[in-house]
Amino acid sequence: MNNSIESIKISNDEDTVIVFPQKNLIGDVSLSLCQIFDDLISSGNLNFKLDFSKVNKIDSIGIGAIVLLNRKTFQKGKVSLEKMNSKIKKFFSLILTEKSNT
C-alpha cells in the first residue's frame, strides 16, 4: 500500500489541503485516497482542492471517496475539483451539486 500512498501528494495552502493524485484513481490508489481523506478530516481539515491533472480514470471506490468527502465537508468546508479532463468533469457535474447560500 506504500506505493499507493506515494501516488497521492498532499500540500497545504493556508486553510486548504491540496491533494494531487499522481496517477489514475483505481484499485489500491483509490483505497489510499479514502484513508487519506479520513485522516485529514479527523485532523480537523475541512477545505480541500483536488488536482486531477494526472488522472484519466477513476473507479467506483475513488468516486465514492470524493462524494463522501463532499458530504462530510458540505456544512462547514469546501471541496474544489480542478484540472479534470472533460469526461471526468461531466461525470462529477452530474453527481455533485453546488452549495447554495440559501
N, C-alpha and C. Protein backbone atom coordinates (compact mmCIF):
# COMPACT_ATOMS: atom_id res chain seq x y z
N MET A 1 0.82 -1.20 0.00
CA MET A 1 0.00 0.00 0.00
C MET A 1 0.86 1.26 0.00
N ASN A 2 2.14 1.17 0.40
CA ASN A 2 3.02 2.34 0.39
C ASN A 2 3.12 2.98 -0.98
N ASN A 3 3.24 2.16 -2.03
CA ASN A 3 3.32 2.71 -3.38
C ASN A 3 2.07 3.49 -3.72
N SER A 4 0.92 3.05 -3.22
CA SER A 4 -0.33 3.75 -3.49
C SER A 4 -0.35 5.10 -2.79
N ILE A 5 0.10 5.14 -1.54
CA ILE A 5 0.13 6.40 -0.81
C ILE A 5 1.11 7.36 -1.47
N GLU A 6 2.23 6.84 -1.98
CA GLU A 6 3.19 7.68 -2.69
C GLU A 6 2.60 8.22 -3.99
N SER A 7 1.53 7.61 -4.47
CA SER A 7 0.88 8.05 -5.70
C SER A 7 -0.05 9.23 -5.48
N ILE A 8 -0.16 9.69 -4.23
CA ILE A 8 -1.01 10.83 -3.90
C ILE A 8 -0.17 11.82 -3.10
N LYS A 9 0.05 12.99 -3.67
CA LYS A 9 0.83 14.03 -2.99
C LYS A 9 -0.14 15.00 -2.31
N ILE A 10 0.32 15.53 -1.18
CA ILE A 10 -0.52 16.44 -0.40
C ILE A 10 0.30 17.67 -0.03
N SER A 11 -0.31 18.84 -0.16
CA SER A 11 0.32 20.08 0.31
C SER A 11 -0.77 20.95 0.94
N ASN A 12 -0.34 22.03 1.57
CA ASN A 12 -1.28 22.95 2.22
C ASN A 12 -1.11 24.35 1.67
N ASP A 13 -2.23 25.04 1.54
CA ASP A 13 -2.26 26.44 1.15
C ASP A 13 -3.22 27.14 2.11
N GLU A 14 -2.65 27.79 3.11
CA GLU A 14 -3.42 28.41 4.19
C GLU A 14 -4.31 27.37 4.85
N ASP A 15 -5.63 27.50 4.77
CA ASP A 15 -6.53 26.55 5.44
C ASP A 15 -7.05 25.47 4.49
N THR A 16 -6.41 25.30 3.34
CA THR A 16 -6.87 24.34 2.33
C THR A 16 -5.82 23.25 2.12
N VAL A 17 -6.27 22.01 2.10
CA VAL A 17 -5.40 20.88 1.79
C VAL A 17 -5.52 20.62 0.29
N ILE A 18 -4.38 20.57 -0.40
CA ILE A 18 -4.38 20.30 -1.84
C ILE A 18 -3.92 18.86 -2.04
N VAL A 19 -4.75 18.07 -2.71
CA VAL A 19 -4.48 16.66 -2.95
C VAL A 19 -4.21 16.47 -4.44
N PHE A 20 -3.04 15.89 -4.75
CA PHE A 20 -2.61 15.68 -6.13
C PHE A 20 -2.43 14.18 -6.41
N PRO A 21 -3.46 13.48 -6.87
CA PRO A 21 -3.22 12.09 -7.29
C PRO A 21 -2.24 12.10 -8.46
N GLN A 22 -1.23 11.24 -8.40
CA GLN A 22 -0.19 11.22 -9.41
C GLN A 22 -0.45 10.23 -10.53
N LYS A 23 -1.55 9.50 -10.41
CA LYS A 23 -1.97 8.59 -11.48
C LYS A 23 -3.45 8.30 -11.32
N ASN A 24 -3.97 7.44 -12.17
CA ASN A 24 -5.40 7.13 -12.14
C ASN A 24 -5.85 6.63 -10.78
N LEU A 25 -7.07 7.00 -10.40
CA LEU A 25 -7.64 6.59 -9.12
C LEU A 25 -8.36 5.26 -9.29
N ILE A 26 -7.57 4.20 -9.29
CA ILE A 26 -8.13 2.86 -9.43
C ILE A 26 -7.40 1.93 -8.45
N GLY A 27 -8.12 0.92 -7.98
CA GLY A 27 -7.53 -0.09 -7.10
C GLY A 27 -7.01 0.47 -5.80
N ASP A 28 -5.77 0.09 -5.46
CA ASP A 28 -5.17 0.49 -4.20
C ASP A 28 -5.01 1.99 -4.06
N VAL A 29 -4.85 2.71 -5.17
CA VAL A 29 -4.73 4.17 -5.11
C VAL A 29 -6.03 4.77 -4.58
N SER A 30 -7.16 4.28 -5.04
CA SER A 30 -8.46 4.76 -4.56
C SER A 30 -8.65 4.43 -3.09
N LEU A 31 -8.26 3.23 -2.69
CA LEU A 31 -8.36 2.85 -1.28
C LEU A 31 -7.50 3.76 -0.40
N SER A 32 -6.31 4.09 -0.88
CA SER A 32 -5.42 5.00 -0.14
C SER A 32 -6.05 6.38 -0.03
N LEU A 33 -6.71 6.82 -1.09
CA LEU A 33 -7.36 8.13 -1.07
C LEU A 33 -8.43 8.17 0.01
N CYS A 34 -9.20 7.10 0.15
CA CYS A 34 -10.22 7.03 1.21
C CYS A 34 -9.59 7.22 2.58
N GLN A 35 -8.50 6.51 2.83
CA GLN A 35 -7.82 6.59 4.12
C GLN A 35 -7.23 7.98 4.35
N ILE A 36 -6.65 8.56 3.33
CA ILE A 36 -6.08 9.91 3.44
C ILE A 36 -7.16 10.92 3.78
N PHE A 37 -8.30 10.86 3.10
CA PHE A 37 -9.40 11.78 3.40
C PHE A 37 -9.88 11.61 4.84
N ASP A 38 -10.04 10.36 5.28
CA ASP A 38 -10.48 10.12 6.66
C ASP A 38 -9.50 10.72 7.66
N ASP A 39 -8.21 10.50 7.43
CA ASP A 39 -7.18 11.03 8.33
C ASP A 39 -7.18 12.55 8.35
N LEU A 40 -7.31 13.16 7.19
CA LEU A 40 -7.30 14.63 7.10
C LEU A 40 -8.53 15.24 7.79
N ILE A 41 -9.70 14.65 7.58
CA ILE A 41 -10.92 15.15 8.22
C ILE A 41 -10.83 14.95 9.74
N SER A 42 -10.32 13.80 10.17
CA SER A 42 -10.16 13.55 11.60
C SER A 42 -9.22 14.55 12.26
N SER A 43 -8.29 15.09 11.47
CA SER A 43 -7.35 16.10 11.97
C SER A 43 -7.93 17.51 11.93
N GLY A 44 -9.19 17.64 11.50
CA GLY A 44 -9.85 18.93 11.51
C GLY A 44 -9.83 19.69 10.20
N ASN A 45 -9.31 19.09 9.15
CA ASN A 45 -9.30 19.75 7.85
C ASN A 45 -10.67 19.66 7.20
N LEU A 46 -11.16 20.79 6.66
CA LEU A 46 -12.48 20.82 6.03
C LEU A 46 -12.48 21.42 4.63
N ASN A 47 -11.36 22.01 4.21
CA ASN A 47 -11.28 22.63 2.89
C ASN A 47 -10.26 21.89 2.05
N PHE A 48 -10.71 21.45 0.86
CA PHE A 48 -9.87 20.62 0.01
C PHE A 48 -9.90 21.11 -1.44
N LYS A 49 -8.74 21.03 -2.10
CA LYS A 49 -8.65 21.17 -3.55
C LYS A 49 -8.09 19.85 -4.06
N LEU A 50 -8.74 19.28 -5.06
CA LEU A 50 -8.25 18.05 -5.67
C LEU A 50 -7.81 18.37 -7.09
N ASP A 51 -6.55 18.14 -7.38
CA ASP A 51 -5.96 18.43 -8.68
C ASP A 51 -5.93 17.13 -9.48
N PHE A 52 -6.74 17.06 -10.53
CA PHE A 52 -6.88 15.85 -11.34
C PHE A 52 -6.04 15.89 -12.62
N SER A 53 -5.02 16.72 -12.67
CA SER A 53 -4.26 16.90 -13.91
C SER A 53 -3.58 15.62 -14.39
N LYS A 54 -3.32 14.67 -13.50
CA LYS A 54 -2.67 13.41 -13.90
C LYS A 54 -3.61 12.22 -13.84
N VAL A 55 -4.92 12.48 -13.75
CA VAL A 55 -5.91 11.41 -13.62
C VAL A 55 -6.75 11.33 -14.89
N ASN A 56 -6.80 10.13 -15.47
CA ASN A 56 -7.64 9.89 -16.64
C ASN A 56 -8.79 8.93 -16.35
N LYS A 57 -8.66 8.14 -15.27
CA LYS A 57 -9.69 7.16 -14.92
C LYS A 57 -9.90 7.17 -13.41
N ILE A 58 -11.14 6.96 -13.00
CA ILE A 58 -11.49 6.84 -11.59
C ILE A 58 -12.44 5.66 -11.45
N ASP A 59 -12.13 4.75 -10.52
CA ASP A 59 -13.04 3.63 -10.29
C ASP A 59 -14.10 4.02 -9.27
N SER A 60 -15.00 3.08 -8.97
CA SER A 60 -16.12 3.38 -8.08
C SER A 60 -15.66 3.72 -6.66
N ILE A 61 -14.56 3.14 -6.21
CA ILE A 61 -14.06 3.47 -4.87
C ILE A 61 -13.55 4.90 -4.84
N GLY A 62 -12.85 5.32 -5.88
CA GLY A 62 -12.37 6.71 -5.97
C GLY A 62 -13.53 7.70 -6.03
N ILE A 63 -14.54 7.36 -6.80
CA ILE A 63 -15.73 8.22 -6.88
C ILE A 63 -16.39 8.31 -5.52
N GLY A 64 -16.55 7.16 -4.87
CA GLY A 64 -17.16 7.14 -3.55
C GLY A 64 -16.39 7.97 -2.54
N ALA A 65 -15.06 7.91 -2.59
CA ALA A 65 -14.23 8.70 -1.67
C ALA A 65 -14.46 10.18 -1.85
N ILE A 66 -14.57 10.62 -3.09
CA ILE A 66 -14.76 12.04 -3.39
C ILE A 66 -16.18 12.49 -3.01
N VAL A 67 -17.16 11.68 -3.31
CA VAL A 67 -18.54 12.01 -2.93
C VAL A 67 -18.67 12.07 -1.41
N LEU A 68 -18.07 11.12 -0.70
CA LEU A 68 -18.12 11.11 0.76
C LEU A 68 -17.39 12.32 1.34
N LEU A 69 -16.26 12.68 0.77
CA LEU A 69 -15.54 13.88 1.21
C LEU A 69 -16.43 15.10 1.05
N ASN A 70 -17.10 15.21 -0.08
CA ASN A 70 -18.00 16.33 -0.32
C ASN A 70 -19.12 16.38 0.72
N ARG A 71 -19.68 15.23 1.04
CA ARG A 71 -20.76 15.17 2.04
C ARG A 71 -20.28 15.52 3.44
N LYS A 72 -19.09 15.04 3.80
CA LYS A 72 -18.56 15.30 5.14
C LYS A 72 -18.17 16.75 5.35
N THR A 73 -17.86 17.46 4.28
CA THR A 73 -17.42 18.85 4.41
C THR A 73 -18.48 19.84 3.97
N PHE A 74 -19.64 19.35 3.57
CA PHE A 74 -20.68 20.18 2.97
C PHE A 74 -21.10 21.36 3.85
N GLN A 75 -21.30 21.14 5.13
CA GLN A 75 -21.81 22.18 6.02
C GLN A 75 -20.78 23.26 6.35
N LYS A 76 -19.54 22.86 6.62
CA LYS A 76 -18.56 23.81 7.14
C LYS A 76 -17.32 23.96 6.28
N GLY A 77 -17.20 23.21 5.22
CA GLY A 77 -15.98 23.24 4.42
C GLY A 77 -16.27 23.39 2.94
N LYS A 78 -15.24 23.11 2.15
CA LYS A 78 -15.36 23.27 0.71
C LYS A 78 -14.48 22.24 0.01
N VAL A 79 -14.99 21.66 -1.06
CA VAL A 79 -14.22 20.76 -1.90
C VAL A 79 -14.22 21.34 -3.31
N SER A 80 -13.03 21.53 -3.84
CA SER A 80 -12.88 22.06 -5.19
C SER A 80 -12.20 21.01 -6.06
N LEU A 81 -12.83 20.64 -7.17
CA LEU A 81 -12.28 19.67 -8.11
C LEU A 81 -11.70 20.44 -9.28
N GLU A 82 -10.39 20.28 -9.52
CA GLU A 82 -9.71 21.09 -10.51
C GLU A 82 -8.94 20.26 -11.53
N LYS A 83 -8.76 20.84 -12.70
CA LYS A 83 -7.94 20.29 -13.78
C LYS A 83 -8.37 18.89 -14.20
N MET A 84 -9.68 18.70 -14.31
CA MET A 84 -10.22 17.41 -14.73
C MET A 84 -10.34 17.36 -16.25
N ASN A 85 -10.18 16.16 -16.81
CA ASN A 85 -10.46 16.03 -18.24
C ASN A 85 -11.97 16.13 -18.43
N SER A 86 -12.41 16.33 -19.64
CA SER A 86 -13.82 16.62 -19.90
C SER A 86 -14.75 15.49 -19.49
N LYS A 87 -14.33 14.24 -19.64
CA LYS A 87 -15.18 13.10 -19.28
C LYS A 87 -15.40 13.04 -17.77
N ILE A 88 -14.34 13.21 -16.99
CA ILE A 88 -14.46 13.18 -15.53
C ILE A 88 -15.25 14.39 -15.05
N LYS A 89 -15.00 15.54 -15.65
CA LYS A 89 -15.70 16.77 -15.26
C LYS A 89 -17.21 16.62 -15.47
N LYS A 90 -17.60 16.08 -16.61
CA LYS A 90 -19.02 15.90 -16.90
C LYS A 90 -19.66 14.94 -15.91
N PHE A 91 -18.96 13.85 -15.59
CA PHE A 91 -19.49 12.88 -14.64
C PHE A 91 -19.73 13.52 -13.28
N PHE A 92 -18.73 14.24 -12.76
CA PHE A 92 -18.89 14.84 -11.44
C PHE A 92 -19.91 15.97 -11.44
N SER A 93 -20.09 16.65 -12.55
CA SER A 93 -21.11 17.69 -12.58
C SER A 93 -22.52 17.09 -12.43
N LEU A 94 -22.66 15.84 -12.80
CA LEU A 94 -23.95 15.17 -12.66
C LEU A 94 -24.22 14.68 -11.25
N ILE A 95 -23.16 14.33 -10.49
CA ILE A 95 -23.40 13.73 -9.19
C ILE A 95 -23.13 14.66 -8.00
N LEU A 96 -22.39 15.72 -8.21
CA LEU A 96 -22.13 16.66 -7.12
C LEU A 96 -22.88 17.95 -7.39
N THR A 97 -23.54 18.48 -6.38
CA THR A 97 -24.26 19.73 -6.55
C THR A 97 -23.51 20.85 -5.87
N GLU A 98 -23.64 22.03 -6.41
CA GLU A 98 -23.03 23.22 -5.80
C GLU A 98 -23.77 23.56 -4.52
N LYS A 99 -23.02 24.04 -3.54
CA LYS A 99 -23.64 24.51 -2.31
C LYS A 99 -24.35 25.83 -2.58
N SER A 100 -25.48 25.99 -2.00
CA SER A 100 -26.18 27.27 -2.18
C SER A 100 -26.14 28.05 -0.88
N ASN A 101 -26.27 29.34 -0.97
CA ASN A 101 -26.25 30.20 0.20
C ASN A 101 -27.65 30.41 0.77
N THR A 102 -28.63 29.69 0.26
CA THR A 102 -29.99 29.88 0.73
C THR A 102 -30.34 28.92 1.83
